[in-house]
Amino acid sequence: MSYDLAKQLQLKLQPLNSDCPLISVSGQRLQTIGKADVNIQIRSFFVPHKFTVVEGLFPNILVETDFLFKNNAFINNANNAVTFYDGLIVLPLQGFNSVKKLCDHQHHSMRPSLL
């Protein structure tokens, strides 16, 4: 989660429990600020998740594989969708309309993202 979004949502930041750095796809070390507990709404479900807060992150939220695993997510690239809870919820994957946005996205990725 970006630090700007965490500030906008007035989230209480917790200290990081690990000295393990986050590295972007380009090899740049990302500045981690802390952790924040967030209830994410996916359709009518509220899912609690602890996000790492990162300075200058784009897009504002990236979900990691732990989030996908915990919520029984399945990414289907053939129909450009992600399903949660054995197909109970189906959401479209976010797309980018320009090469510049795609490059920016890849430059700041922590791990494979959906949102």
N, C-alpha and C. Protein backbone atom coordinates (compact mmCIF):
# COMPACT_ATOMS: atom_id res chain seq x y z
N MET A 1 0.85 -1.16 0.00
CA MET A 1 0.00 0.00 0.00
C MET A 1 0.90 1.23 0.00
N SER A 2 0.50 2.23 -0.75
CA SER A 2 1.29 3.45 -0.78
C SER A 2 1.12 4.24 0.51
N TYR A 3 2.17 4.95 0.88
CA TYR A 3 2.13 5.79 2.07
C TYR A 3 1.08 6.89 1.91
N ASP A 4 0.95 7.43 0.69
CA ASP A 4 -0.06 8.47 0.44
C ASP A 4 -1.46 7.95 0.72
N LEU A 5 -1.77 6.73 0.30
CA LEU A 5 -3.10 6.16 0.55
C LEU A 5 -3.30 5.91 2.04
N ALA A 6 -2.28 5.41 2.71
CA ALA A 6 -2.38 5.17 4.16
C ALA A 6 -2.67 6.48 4.90
N LYS A 7 -2.01 7.57 4.49
CA LYS A 7 -2.27 8.88 5.10
C LYS A 7 -3.69 9.34 4.80
N GLN A 8 -4.12 9.18 3.55
CA GLN A 8 -5.47 9.60 3.15
C GLN A 8 -6.54 8.86 3.95
N LEU A 9 -6.31 7.58 4.22
CA LEU A 9 -7.26 6.77 4.99
C LEU A 9 -7.07 6.91 6.50
N GLN A 10 -6.07 7.70 6.89
CA GLN A 10 -5.75 7.95 8.29
C GLN A 10 -5.52 6.64 9.06
N LEU A 11 -4.74 5.76 8.45
CA LEU A 11 -4.46 4.47 9.07
C LEU A 11 -3.37 4.60 10.12
N LYS A 12 -3.49 3.83 11.17
CA LYS A 12 -2.46 3.77 12.21
C LYS A 12 -1.38 2.83 11.72
N LEU A 13 -0.15 3.34 11.62
CA LEU A 13 0.96 2.52 11.14
C LEU A 13 1.64 1.82 12.30
N GLN A 14 2.00 0.58 12.05
CA GLN A 14 2.71 -0.23 13.03
C GLN A 14 4.14 -0.43 12.54
N PRO A 15 5.07 -0.63 13.45
CA PRO A 15 6.45 -0.85 13.00
C PRO A 15 6.59 -2.15 12.23
N LEU A 16 7.60 -2.19 11.37
CA LEU A 16 7.90 -3.41 10.62
C LEU A 16 8.53 -4.44 11.55
N ASN A 17 8.23 -5.71 11.35
CA ASN A 17 8.78 -6.79 12.17
C ASN A 17 10.03 -7.40 11.56
N SER A 18 10.40 -6.93 10.37
CA SER A 18 11.49 -7.57 9.64
C SER A 18 12.39 -6.52 9.01
N ASP A 19 13.65 -6.85 8.89
CA ASP A 19 14.61 -5.98 8.20
C ASP A 19 14.76 -6.37 6.74
N CYS A 20 13.94 -7.30 6.28
CA CYS A 20 14.01 -7.78 4.90
C CYS A 20 13.51 -6.68 3.96
N PRO A 21 14.37 -6.20 3.07
CA PRO A 21 13.95 -5.09 2.19
C PRO A 21 13.03 -5.56 1.07
N LEU A 22 12.22 -4.63 0.57
CA LEU A 22 11.42 -4.88 -0.64
C LEU A 22 12.18 -4.30 -1.81
N ILE A 23 12.28 -5.07 -2.88
CA ILE A 23 13.04 -4.66 -4.05
C ILE A 23 12.09 -4.63 -5.25
N SER A 24 12.14 -3.54 -6.03
CA SER A 24 11.30 -3.44 -7.22
C SER A 24 11.86 -4.33 -8.32
N VAL A 25 11.10 -4.49 -9.38
CA VAL A 25 11.51 -5.31 -10.52
C VAL A 25 12.82 -4.78 -11.11
N SER A 26 13.02 -3.46 -11.06
CA SER A 26 14.23 -2.86 -11.62
C SER A 26 15.44 -3.02 -10.70
N GLY A 27 15.23 -3.57 -9.49
CA GLY A 27 16.32 -3.75 -8.56
C GLY A 27 16.45 -2.64 -7.53
N GLN A 28 15.61 -1.63 -7.64
CA GLN A 28 15.64 -0.50 -6.70
C GLN A 28 15.04 -0.91 -5.36
N ARG A 29 15.69 -0.54 -4.28
CA ARG A 29 15.17 -0.82 -2.94
C ARG A 29 14.03 0.16 -2.65
N LEU A 30 12.89 -0.36 -2.19
CA LEU A 30 11.73 0.46 -1.88
C LEU A 30 11.77 0.88 -0.42
N GLN A 31 11.33 2.11 -0.16
CA GLN A 31 11.34 2.64 1.21
C GLN A 31 10.07 2.19 1.93
N THR A 32 10.22 1.24 2.84
CA THR A 32 9.08 0.77 3.62
C THR A 32 8.92 1.64 4.86
N ILE A 33 7.66 1.98 5.16
CA ILE A 33 7.34 2.89 6.26
C ILE A 33 6.85 2.13 7.48
N GLY A 34 6.07 1.09 7.27
CA GLY A 34 5.49 0.32 8.37
C GLY A 34 4.45 -0.65 7.84
N LYS A 35 3.57 -1.07 8.72
CA LYS A 35 2.46 -1.97 8.37
C LYS A 35 1.15 -1.31 8.77
N ALA A 36 0.06 -1.70 8.10
CA ALA A 36 -1.27 -1.16 8.42
C ALA A 36 -2.31 -2.25 8.24
N ASP A 37 -3.21 -2.37 9.22
CA ASP A 37 -4.34 -3.29 9.13
C ASP A 37 -5.47 -2.62 8.38
N VAL A 38 -6.00 -3.31 7.37
CA VAL A 38 -7.05 -2.75 6.52
C VAL A 38 -8.11 -3.82 6.29
N ASN A 39 -9.37 -3.42 6.31
CA ASN A 39 -10.47 -4.29 5.90
C ASN A 39 -10.79 -3.95 4.45
N ILE A 40 -10.50 -4.88 3.56
CA ILE A 40 -10.75 -4.67 2.14
C ILE A 40 -12.14 -5.20 1.81
N GLN A 41 -12.92 -4.39 1.09
CA GLN A 41 -14.24 -4.85 0.68
C GLN A 41 -14.13 -5.42 -0.73
N ILE A 42 -14.49 -6.69 -0.86
CA ILE A 42 -14.56 -7.36 -2.15
C ILE A 42 -16.02 -7.74 -2.34
N ARG A 43 -16.69 -6.97 -3.19
CA ARG A 43 -18.16 -7.06 -3.32
C ARG A 43 -18.77 -6.85 -1.94
N SER A 44 -19.48 -7.83 -1.39
CA SER A 44 -20.14 -7.63 -0.10
C SER A 44 -19.34 -8.23 1.07
N PHE A 45 -18.14 -8.74 0.78
CA PHE A 45 -17.31 -9.35 1.81
C PHE A 45 -16.25 -8.37 2.30
N PHE A 46 -15.98 -8.37 3.60
CA PHE A 46 -14.89 -7.58 4.16
C PHE A 46 -13.78 -8.54 4.56
N VAL A 47 -12.60 -8.31 4.04
CA VAL A 47 -11.46 -9.19 4.24
C VAL A 47 -10.36 -8.41 4.97
N PRO A 48 -10.00 -8.84 6.18
CA PRO A 48 -8.91 -8.16 6.88
C PRO A 48 -7.56 -8.56 6.28
N HIS A 49 -6.66 -7.58 6.17
CA HIS A 49 -5.32 -7.86 5.65
C HIS A 49 -4.34 -6.83 6.20
N LYS A 50 -3.12 -7.27 6.47
CA LYS A 50 -2.06 -6.38 6.93
C LYS A 50 -1.17 -6.04 5.74
N PHE A 51 -1.14 -4.75 5.37
CA PHE A 51 -0.34 -4.29 4.25
C PHE A 51 0.98 -3.70 4.71
N THR A 52 2.01 -3.91 3.92
CA THR A 52 3.26 -3.17 4.09
C THR A 52 3.06 -1.82 3.42
N VAL A 53 3.40 -0.74 4.12
CA VAL A 53 3.23 0.62 3.60
C VAL A 53 4.56 1.06 3.00
N VAL A 54 4.50 1.53 1.73
CA VAL A 54 5.70 1.84 0.97
C VAL A 54 5.60 3.27 0.42
N GLU A 55 6.68 4.02 0.56
CA GLU A 55 6.75 5.39 0.04
C GLU A 55 6.78 5.35 -1.49
N GLY A 56 5.94 6.18 -2.14
CA GLY A 56 5.97 6.36 -3.59
C GLY A 56 5.49 5.18 -4.40
N LEU A 57 4.68 4.30 -3.84
CA LEU A 57 4.23 3.10 -4.55
C LEU A 57 3.17 3.45 -5.59
N PHE A 58 3.27 2.83 -6.76
CA PHE A 58 2.26 2.93 -7.81
C PHE A 58 2.07 1.55 -8.39
N PRO A 59 0.82 1.10 -8.52
CA PRO A 59 -0.43 1.70 -8.06
C PRO A 59 -0.49 1.71 -6.52
N ASN A 60 -1.54 2.33 -5.99
CA ASN A 60 -1.63 2.54 -4.55
C ASN A 60 -1.71 1.25 -3.74
N ILE A 61 -2.23 0.19 -4.32
CA ILE A 61 -2.32 -1.09 -3.61
C ILE A 61 -1.87 -2.21 -4.53
N LEU A 62 -0.99 -3.05 -3.98
CA LEU A 62 -0.59 -4.29 -4.64
C LEU A 62 -0.87 -5.40 -3.65
N VAL A 63 -1.49 -6.47 -4.12
CA VAL A 63 -1.71 -7.61 -3.23
C VAL A 63 -0.64 -8.65 -3.51
N GLU A 64 -0.20 -9.29 -2.45
CA GLU A 64 0.86 -10.28 -2.56
C GLU A 64 0.25 -11.68 -2.62
N THR A 65 1.09 -12.64 -2.87
CA THR A 65 0.63 -14.01 -2.98
C THR A 65 0.00 -14.52 -1.69
N ASP A 66 0.44 -14.01 -0.53
CA ASP A 66 -0.17 -14.46 0.72
C ASP A 66 -1.65 -14.07 0.78
N PHE A 67 -1.99 -12.89 0.28
CA PHE A 67 -3.39 -12.46 0.23
C PHE A 67 -4.19 -13.38 -0.69
N LEU A 68 -3.63 -13.68 -1.85
CA LEU A 68 -4.32 -14.53 -2.81
C LEU A 68 -4.53 -15.94 -2.24
N PHE A 69 -3.51 -16.49 -1.61
CA PHE A 69 -3.60 -17.82 -1.03
C PHE A 69 -4.65 -17.87 0.09
N LYS A 70 -4.60 -16.92 1.00
CA LYS A 70 -5.53 -16.90 2.15
C LYS A 70 -6.99 -16.77 1.73
N ASN A 71 -7.22 -16.15 0.56
CA ASN A 71 -8.59 -15.90 0.12
C ASN A 71 -9.00 -16.77 -1.06
N ASN A 72 -8.31 -17.90 -1.22
CA ASN A 72 -8.63 -18.88 -2.27
C ASN A 72 -8.82 -18.22 -3.63
N ALA A 73 -7.87 -17.37 -4.00
CA ALA A 73 -7.98 -16.66 -5.27
C ALA A 73 -7.41 -17.50 -6.40
N PHE A 74 -8.02 -17.34 -7.57
CA PHE A 74 -7.58 -18.02 -8.78
C PHE A 74 -7.53 -16.98 -9.88
N ILE A 75 -6.35 -16.79 -10.47
CA ILE A 75 -6.19 -15.82 -11.56
C ILE A 75 -6.37 -16.56 -12.87
N ASN A 76 -7.31 -16.07 -13.68
CA ASN A 76 -7.58 -16.67 -14.99
C ASN A 76 -7.23 -15.63 -16.05
N ASN A 77 -6.05 -15.79 -16.64
CA ASN A 77 -5.62 -14.84 -17.67
C ASN A 77 -6.41 -14.98 -18.96
N ALA A 78 -6.98 -16.15 -19.21
CA ALA A 78 -7.76 -16.36 -20.43
C ALA A 78 -8.99 -15.46 -20.48
N ASN A 79 -9.65 -15.27 -19.32
CA ASN A 79 -10.83 -14.39 -19.31
C ASN A 79 -10.56 -13.09 -18.56
N ASN A 80 -9.27 -12.82 -18.22
CA ASN A 80 -8.86 -11.57 -17.59
C ASN A 80 -9.62 -11.30 -16.29
N ALA A 81 -9.69 -12.33 -15.44
CA ALA A 81 -10.45 -12.20 -14.20
C ALA A 81 -9.74 -12.92 -13.06
N VAL A 82 -10.12 -12.55 -11.85
CA VAL A 82 -9.67 -13.25 -10.66
C VAL A 82 -10.91 -13.66 -9.88
N THR A 83 -10.91 -14.90 -9.40
CA THR A 83 -12.04 -15.37 -8.60
C THR A 83 -11.57 -15.60 -7.17
N PHE A 84 -12.47 -15.40 -6.23
CA PHE A 84 -12.21 -15.63 -4.82
C PHE A 84 -13.22 -16.63 -4.28
N TYR A 85 -12.79 -17.38 -3.28
CA TYR A 85 -13.68 -18.30 -2.56
C TYR A 85 -14.40 -19.27 -3.49
N ASP A 86 -13.59 -20.01 -4.27
CA ASP A 86 -14.10 -21.04 -5.17
C ASP A 86 -15.13 -20.51 -6.16
N GLY A 87 -14.89 -19.33 -6.71
CA GLY A 87 -15.76 -18.76 -7.74
C GLY A 87 -16.93 -17.96 -7.22
N LEU A 88 -17.03 -17.77 -5.91
CA LEU A 88 -18.13 -17.00 -5.35
C LEU A 88 -18.09 -15.54 -5.78
N ILE A 89 -16.87 -14.99 -5.90
CA ILE A 89 -16.69 -13.61 -6.34
C ILE A 89 -15.77 -13.63 -7.55
N VAL A 90 -16.16 -12.92 -8.61
CA VAL A 90 -15.36 -12.80 -9.82
C VAL A 90 -15.14 -11.32 -10.10
N LEU A 91 -13.86 -10.93 -10.25
CA LEU A 91 -13.51 -9.53 -10.53
C LEU A 91 -12.61 -9.46 -11.75
N PRO A 92 -12.74 -8.40 -12.54
CA PRO A 92 -11.82 -8.23 -13.68
C PRO A 92 -10.44 -7.81 -13.18
N LEU A 93 -9.41 -8.27 -13.88
CA LEU A 93 -8.06 -7.80 -13.58
C LEU A 93 -7.89 -6.38 -14.10
N GLN A 94 -7.09 -5.60 -13.41
CA GLN A 94 -6.83 -4.23 -13.85
C GLN A 94 -5.95 -4.27 -15.07
N GLY A 95 -6.28 -3.43 -16.04
CA GLY A 95 -5.47 -3.32 -17.24
C GLY A 95 -4.88 -1.93 -17.35
N PHE A 96 -3.91 -1.79 -18.23
CA PHE A 96 -3.29 -0.49 -18.46
C PHE A 96 -3.49 -0.13 -19.92
N ASN A 97 -3.78 1.15 -20.17
CA ASN A 97 -4.11 1.59 -21.52
C ASN A 97 -2.93 2.18 -22.27
N SER A 98 -1.78 2.30 -21.63
CA SER A 98 -0.63 2.86 -22.34
C SER A 98 0.64 2.15 -21.92
N VAL A 99 1.63 2.21 -22.79
CA VAL A 99 2.91 1.60 -22.51
C VAL A 99 3.57 2.29 -21.32
N LYS A 100 3.42 3.63 -21.21
CA LYS A 100 4.03 4.36 -20.10
C LYS A 100 3.49 3.86 -18.77
N LYS A 101 2.18 3.68 -18.66
CA LYS A 101 1.61 3.20 -17.40
C LYS A 101 2.10 1.79 -17.10
N LEU A 102 2.22 0.96 -18.11
CA LEU A 102 2.70 -0.40 -17.91
C LEU A 102 4.14 -0.37 -17.39
N CYS A 103 4.97 0.49 -17.96
CA CYS A 103 6.36 0.59 -17.50
C CYS A 103 6.41 1.11 -16.07
N ASP A 104 5.62 2.12 -15.73
CA ASP A 104 5.58 2.64 -14.37
C ASP A 104 5.16 1.53 -13.41
N HIS A 105 4.16 0.77 -13.81
CA HIS A 105 3.64 -0.32 -12.98
C HIS A 105 4.74 -1.35 -12.71
N GLN A 106 5.43 -1.75 -13.73
CA GLN A 106 6.47 -2.76 -13.56
C GLN A 106 7.63 -2.21 -12.74
N HIS A 107 7.93 -0.94 -12.88
CA HIS A 107 9.05 -0.33 -12.17
C HIS A 107 8.83 -0.36 -10.66
N HIS A 108 7.60 -0.26 -10.21
CA HIS A 108 7.32 -0.15 -8.78
C HIS A 108 6.72 -1.41 -8.17
N SER A 109 6.62 -2.48 -8.91
CA SER A 109 5.99 -3.69 -8.38
C SER A 109 6.82 -4.31 -7.27
N MET A 110 6.11 -4.77 -6.22
CA MET A 110 6.78 -5.53 -5.17
C MET A 110 6.71 -7.02 -5.50
N ARG A 111 5.55 -7.46 -5.92
CA ARG A 111 5.28 -8.84 -6.31
C ARG A 111 4.16 -8.79 -7.33
N PRO A 112 3.78 -9.90 -7.93
CA PRO A 112 2.68 -9.85 -8.91
C PRO A 112 1.44 -9.20 -8.30
N SER A 113 0.83 -8.30 -9.06
CA SER A 113 -0.29 -7.53 -8.52
C SER A 113 -1.58 -7.79 -9.26
N LEU A 114 -2.66 -7.45 -8.60
CA LEU A 114 -4.00 -7.56 -9.19
C LEU A 114 -4.70 -6.23 -9.22
N LEU A 115 -4.64 -5.49 -8.13
CA LEU A 115 -5.45 -4.29 -7.99
C LEU A 115 -4.63 -3.05 -8.18
